[in-house]
């Protein structure tokens, strides 16, 4: 399977935005690899944002449910904890796990 066209990685504006997105993901504890294309990074951020919307839709508080960078999480609901990407995990594999977590949360809402 051929990787996405990486020529946009040479565009300074695309590279700057990809770097900003990558920094946002890293701040959330998501691994971003040097081999990830700008399109990969955008897809990762979109997947994380979709997961966060699902948490909020279930009444979760992102400030409470995500641990400090070096801390342990104590989320209101374990489903609210953002899945981490393994260092050797492909973007597609991580996005599949993230989508499954997001869908699972939406399909099985928290009972009040």
N, C-alpha and C. Protein backbone atom coordinates (compact mmCIF):
# COMPACT_ATOMS: atom_id res chain seq x y z
N UNK A 1 0.84 -1.18 0.00
CA UNK A 1 0.00 0.00 0.00
C UNK A 1 0.89 1.24 0.00
N UNK A 2 0.66 2.11 -0.93
CA UNK A 2 1.49 3.30 -1.07
C UNK A 2 1.02 4.39 -0.11
N UNK A 3 1.98 5.11 0.48
CA UNK A 3 1.66 6.20 1.40
C UNK A 3 1.05 7.36 0.62
N UNK A 4 0.37 8.22 1.36
CA UNK A 4 -0.22 9.41 0.75
C UNK A 4 0.88 10.26 0.13
N UNK A 5 0.50 11.07 -0.83
CA UNK A 5 1.45 11.98 -1.47
C UNK A 5 2.06 12.89 -0.42
N UNK A 6 3.37 12.80 -0.25
CA UNK A 6 4.04 13.57 0.79
C UNK A 6 4.64 14.86 0.25
N UNK A 7 4.34 15.21 -0.99
CA UNK A 7 4.91 16.44 -1.53
C UNK A 7 4.43 17.66 -0.77
N UNK A 8 3.23 17.57 -0.14
CA UNK A 8 2.75 18.71 0.61
C UNK A 8 3.60 18.95 1.86
N UNK A 9 4.41 17.97 2.27
CA UNK A 9 5.28 18.14 3.42
C UNK A 9 6.33 19.22 3.15
N UNK A 10 6.59 19.52 1.87
CA UNK A 10 7.58 20.53 1.53
C UNK A 10 6.99 21.93 1.48
N UNK A 11 5.68 22.04 1.48
CA UNK A 11 5.03 23.33 1.51
C UNK A 11 5.19 23.92 2.91
N UNK A 12 5.81 25.08 3.06
CA UNK A 12 6.07 25.62 4.40
C UNK A 12 4.81 25.85 5.23
N UNK A 13 3.72 26.27 4.59
CA UNK A 13 2.48 26.49 5.33
C UNK A 13 1.91 25.17 5.84
N UNK A 14 1.91 24.16 5.00
CA UNK A 14 1.41 22.84 5.40
C UNK A 14 2.30 22.28 6.51
N UNK A 15 3.61 22.43 6.37
CA UNK A 15 4.53 21.93 7.39
C UNK A 15 4.30 22.64 8.72
N UNK A 16 4.05 23.94 8.68
CA UNK A 16 3.82 24.71 9.91
C UNK A 16 2.55 24.23 10.61
N UNK A 17 1.48 24.06 9.84
CA UNK A 17 0.21 23.61 10.41
C UNK A 17 0.35 22.18 10.95
N UNK A 18 1.02 21.32 10.20
CA UNK A 18 1.23 19.94 10.66
C UNK A 18 2.02 19.94 11.96
N UNK A 19 3.00 20.83 12.07
CA UNK A 19 3.78 20.92 13.29
C UNK A 19 2.90 21.37 14.47
N UNK A 20 2.05 22.36 14.23
CA UNK A 20 1.13 22.83 15.27
C UNK A 20 0.18 21.71 15.71
N UNK A 21 -0.39 20.99 14.73
CA UNK A 21 -1.28 19.88 15.04
C UNK A 21 -0.53 18.80 15.81
N UNK A 22 0.70 18.49 15.37
CA UNK A 22 1.51 17.49 16.06
C UNK A 22 1.78 17.88 17.50
N UNK A 23 2.05 19.16 17.73
CA UNK A 23 2.29 19.62 19.10
C UNK A 23 1.03 19.48 19.96
N UNK A 24 -0.13 19.77 19.39
CA UNK A 24 -1.39 19.59 20.12
C UNK A 24 -1.59 18.13 20.50
N UNK A 25 -1.30 17.23 19.55
CA UNK A 25 -1.45 15.80 19.83
C UNK A 25 -0.46 15.34 20.90
N UNK A 26 0.78 15.77 20.79
CA UNK A 26 1.79 15.40 21.79
C UNK A 26 1.40 15.89 23.18
N UNK A 27 0.81 17.08 23.25
CA UNK A 27 0.36 17.63 24.54
C UNK A 27 -0.70 16.74 25.18
N UNK A 28 -1.43 16.00 24.35
CA UNK A 28 -2.44 15.06 24.84
C UNK A 28 -1.85 13.67 25.09
N UNK A 29 -0.56 13.53 24.85
CA UNK A 29 0.10 12.25 25.07
C UNK A 29 0.02 11.30 23.89
N UNK A 30 -0.35 11.82 22.72
CA UNK A 30 -0.45 10.99 21.52
C UNK A 30 0.89 11.02 20.78
N UNK A 31 1.41 9.87 20.49
CA UNK A 31 2.66 9.75 19.75
C UNK A 31 2.47 10.23 18.32
N UNK A 32 3.37 11.11 17.87
CA UNK A 32 3.41 11.55 16.47
C UNK A 32 4.81 11.22 15.98
N UNK A 33 4.88 10.41 14.94
CA UNK A 33 6.17 9.96 14.41
C UNK A 33 6.66 10.86 13.28
N UNK A 34 7.95 10.91 13.09
CA UNK A 34 8.54 11.69 12.00
C UNK A 34 8.03 11.20 10.65
N UNK A 35 7.68 9.93 10.56
CA UNK A 35 7.22 9.37 9.29
C UNK A 35 5.74 9.67 9.02
N UNK A 36 5.03 10.25 9.98
CA UNK A 36 3.63 10.60 9.77
C UNK A 36 3.53 11.80 8.84
N UNK A 37 2.75 11.65 7.80
CA UNK A 37 2.57 12.74 6.82
C UNK A 37 1.67 13.82 7.42
N UNK A 38 1.67 15.01 6.82
CA UNK A 38 0.71 16.03 7.27
C UNK A 38 -0.74 15.53 7.23
N UNK A 39 -1.08 14.74 6.21
CA UNK A 39 -2.43 14.17 6.15
C UNK A 39 -2.68 13.21 7.31
N UNK A 40 -1.67 12.42 7.67
CA UNK A 40 -1.79 11.51 8.82
C UNK A 40 -2.05 12.30 10.10
N UNK A 41 -1.28 13.37 10.28
CA UNK A 41 -1.39 14.18 11.49
C UNK A 41 -2.77 14.83 11.56
N UNK A 42 -3.25 15.31 10.44
CA UNK A 42 -4.59 15.90 10.40
C UNK A 42 -5.65 14.86 10.77
N UNK A 43 -5.52 13.65 10.23
CA UNK A 43 -6.48 12.58 10.53
C UNK A 43 -6.42 12.21 12.02
N UNK A 44 -5.22 12.18 12.59
CA UNK A 44 -5.10 11.90 14.02
C UNK A 44 -5.82 12.95 14.85
N UNK A 45 -5.60 14.21 14.52
CA UNK A 45 -6.23 15.29 15.27
C UNK A 45 -7.75 15.23 15.13
N UNK A 46 -8.23 14.98 13.93
CA UNK A 46 -9.68 14.87 13.72
C UNK A 46 -10.27 13.72 14.53
N UNK A 47 -9.57 12.59 14.57
CA UNK A 47 -10.04 11.45 15.35
C UNK A 47 -10.09 11.76 16.84
N UNK A 48 -9.06 12.44 17.33
CA UNK A 48 -9.02 12.81 18.75
C UNK A 48 -10.14 13.80 19.07
N UNK A 49 -10.35 14.77 18.20
CA UNK A 49 -11.41 15.75 18.43
C UNK A 49 -12.79 15.09 18.42
N UNK A 50 -13.00 14.11 17.56
CA UNK A 50 -14.26 13.37 17.53
C UNK A 50 -14.45 12.59 18.84
N UNK A 51 -13.38 11.97 19.33
CA UNK A 51 -13.45 11.26 20.61
C UNK A 51 -13.80 12.24 21.73
N UNK A 52 -13.16 13.40 21.74
CA UNK A 52 -13.42 14.40 22.78
C UNK A 52 -14.87 14.88 22.73
N UNK A 53 -15.42 15.04 21.53
CA UNK A 53 -16.83 15.44 21.42
C UNK A 53 -17.74 14.36 22.01
N UNK A 54 -17.39 13.10 21.77
CA UNK A 54 -18.19 12.00 22.33
C UNK A 54 -18.12 12.01 23.86
N UNK A 55 -16.95 12.28 24.41
CA UNK A 55 -16.81 12.37 25.87
C UNK A 55 -17.70 13.49 26.39
N UNK A 56 -17.63 14.65 25.77
CA UNK A 56 -18.44 15.79 26.22
C UNK A 56 -19.94 15.49 26.07
N UNK A 57 -20.32 14.81 24.99
CA UNK A 57 -21.72 14.46 24.78
C UNK A 57 -22.24 13.53 25.88
N UNK A 58 -21.33 12.76 26.48
CA UNK A 58 -21.69 11.85 27.56
C UNK A 58 -21.59 12.52 28.93
N UNK A 59 -21.27 13.81 28.94
CA UNK A 59 -21.18 14.54 30.20
C UNK A 59 -19.79 14.53 30.82
N UNK A 60 -18.81 14.04 30.09
CA UNK A 60 -17.45 14.02 30.60
C UNK A 60 -16.82 15.40 30.56
N UNK A 61 -15.87 15.62 31.43
CA UNK A 61 -15.14 16.88 31.52
C UNK A 61 -13.70 16.59 31.12
N UNK A 62 -13.29 17.10 29.96
CA UNK A 62 -11.95 16.79 29.44
C UNK A 62 -10.85 17.22 30.40
N UNK A 63 -11.05 18.28 31.15
CA UNK A 63 -10.02 18.74 32.09
C UNK A 63 -9.87 17.77 33.25
N UNK A 64 -10.94 17.07 33.61
CA UNK A 64 -10.92 16.13 34.72
C UNK A 64 -10.52 14.74 34.24
N UNK A 65 -11.00 14.35 33.08
CA UNK A 65 -10.84 12.98 32.62
C UNK A 65 -9.49 12.67 32.01
N UNK A 66 -8.74 13.67 31.59
CA UNK A 66 -7.41 13.44 31.06
C UNK A 66 -6.37 13.70 32.15
N UNK A 67 -5.42 12.78 32.31
CA UNK A 67 -4.43 12.95 33.36
C UNK A 67 -3.38 14.00 33.00
N UNK A 68 -2.71 14.55 34.02
CA UNK A 68 -1.55 15.39 33.71
C UNK A 68 -0.54 14.53 32.97
N UNK A 69 0.33 15.16 32.24
CA UNK A 69 1.26 14.44 31.36
C UNK A 69 2.00 13.31 32.08
N UNK A 70 2.43 13.53 33.30
CA UNK A 70 3.18 12.49 34.02
C UNK A 70 2.35 11.85 35.12
N UNK A 71 1.03 12.08 35.10
CA UNK A 71 0.18 11.57 36.17
C UNK A 71 -0.65 10.40 35.73
N UNK A 72 -1.45 9.93 36.67
CA UNK A 72 -2.37 8.83 36.40
C UNK A 72 -3.77 9.38 36.26
N UNK A 73 -4.52 8.75 35.39
CA UNK A 73 -5.88 9.21 35.13
C UNK A 73 -6.84 8.63 36.15
N UNK A 74 -7.82 9.44 36.51
CA UNK A 74 -8.93 9.00 37.33
C UNK A 74 -10.20 9.57 36.71
N UNK A 75 -10.54 9.09 35.51
CA UNK A 75 -11.69 9.65 34.81
C UNK A 75 -13.00 9.29 35.51
N UNK A 76 -14.02 10.11 35.26
CA UNK A 76 -15.36 9.83 35.77
C UNK A 76 -15.83 8.46 35.26
N UNK A 77 -15.46 8.13 34.07
CA UNK A 77 -15.84 6.89 33.41
C UNK A 77 -14.60 6.43 32.64
N UNK A 78 -14.15 5.19 32.83
CA UNK A 78 -12.93 4.73 32.15
C UNK A 78 -12.97 4.90 30.63
N UNK A 79 -14.19 4.91 30.05
CA UNK A 79 -14.31 5.08 28.60
C UNK A 79 -13.89 6.48 28.16
N UNK A 80 -13.84 7.43 29.11
CA UNK A 80 -13.50 8.81 28.79
C UNK A 80 -12.00 9.03 28.62
N UNK A 81 -11.21 8.05 28.97
CA UNK A 81 -9.76 8.18 28.86
C UNK A 81 -9.34 7.98 27.40
N UNK A 82 -8.68 8.99 26.85
CA UNK A 82 -8.23 8.95 25.45
C UNK A 82 -7.25 7.80 25.25
N UNK A 83 -7.55 6.87 24.33
CA UNK A 83 -6.59 5.79 24.05
C UNK A 83 -5.27 6.37 23.55
N UNK A 84 -4.18 5.81 24.00
CA UNK A 84 -2.85 6.26 23.57
C UNK A 84 -2.41 5.44 22.37
N UNK A 85 -1.61 6.05 21.54
CA UNK A 85 -1.05 5.37 20.36
C UNK A 85 0.26 4.72 20.77
N UNK A 86 0.38 3.44 20.47
CA UNK A 86 1.64 2.73 20.74
C UNK A 86 2.70 3.26 19.78
N UNK A 87 3.93 3.28 20.20
CA UNK A 87 5.02 3.83 19.40
C UNK A 87 5.17 3.19 18.04
N UNK A 88 4.87 1.90 17.94
CA UNK A 88 5.04 1.19 16.68
C UNK A 88 3.71 1.04 15.91
N UNK A 89 2.67 1.71 16.39
CA UNK A 89 1.34 1.54 15.81
C UNK A 89 1.15 2.46 14.61
N UNK A 90 0.61 1.93 13.55
CA UNK A 90 0.34 2.75 12.35
C UNK A 90 -0.79 3.72 12.65
N UNK A 91 -0.85 4.76 11.85
CA UNK A 91 -1.94 5.73 11.98
C UNK A 91 -3.28 5.02 11.77
N UNK A 92 -3.36 4.20 10.74
CA UNK A 92 -4.62 3.51 10.44
C UNK A 92 -5.07 2.62 11.60
N UNK A 93 -4.14 1.90 12.20
CA UNK A 93 -4.48 1.03 13.31
C UNK A 93 -4.97 1.84 14.52
N UNK A 94 -4.25 2.91 14.84
CA UNK A 94 -4.66 3.75 15.97
C UNK A 94 -6.02 4.38 15.70
N UNK A 95 -6.23 4.90 14.49
CA UNK A 95 -7.51 5.52 14.18
C UNK A 95 -8.65 4.50 14.28
N UNK A 96 -8.37 3.25 13.92
CA UNK A 96 -9.38 2.20 14.07
C UNK A 96 -9.75 1.98 15.52
N UNK A 97 -8.75 1.92 16.40
CA UNK A 97 -9.01 1.75 17.83
C UNK A 97 -9.74 2.97 18.40
N UNK A 98 -9.32 4.16 17.96
CA UNK A 98 -9.94 5.38 18.45
C UNK A 98 -11.40 5.47 18.01
N UNK A 99 -11.66 5.11 16.77
CA UNK A 99 -13.04 5.12 16.25
C UNK A 99 -13.90 4.11 17.00
N UNK A 100 -13.34 2.93 17.28
CA UNK A 100 -14.09 1.92 18.02
C UNK A 100 -14.43 2.42 19.43
N UNK A 101 -13.49 3.10 20.07
CA UNK A 101 -13.74 3.66 21.40
C UNK A 101 -14.81 4.74 21.34
N UNK A 102 -14.74 5.58 20.31
CA UNK A 102 -15.72 6.66 20.14
C UNK A 102 -17.11 6.09 19.87
N UNK A 103 -17.19 5.14 18.96
CA UNK A 103 -18.47 4.51 18.62
C UNK A 103 -19.04 3.77 19.82
N UNK A 104 -18.18 3.04 20.54
CA UNK A 104 -18.64 2.31 21.72
C UNK A 104 -19.24 3.23 22.77
N UNK A 105 -18.62 4.38 22.94
CA UNK A 105 -19.13 5.35 23.91
C UNK A 105 -20.50 5.88 23.46
N UNK A 106 -20.62 6.17 22.19
CA UNK A 106 -21.89 6.71 21.67
C UNK A 106 -23.00 5.66 21.66
N UNK A 107 -22.63 4.40 21.40
CA UNK A 107 -23.62 3.33 21.33
C UNK A 107 -24.08 2.87 22.70
N UNK A 108 -23.28 3.16 23.73
CA UNK A 108 -23.60 2.74 25.11
C UNK A 108 -23.49 3.93 26.04
N UNK A 109 -24.45 4.85 25.97
CA UNK A 109 -24.37 6.07 26.77
C UNK A 109 -24.35 5.79 28.27
N UNK A 110 -23.74 6.72 28.98
CA UNK A 110 -23.69 6.66 30.44
C UNK A 110 -25.09 6.84 30.98
N UNK A 111 -25.41 6.07 31.95
CA UNK A 111 -26.73 6.19 32.59
C UNK A 111 -26.61 7.13 33.78
N UNK A 112 -27.51 8.11 33.88
CA UNK A 112 -27.50 9.05 34.99
C UNK A 112 -28.43 8.57 36.08
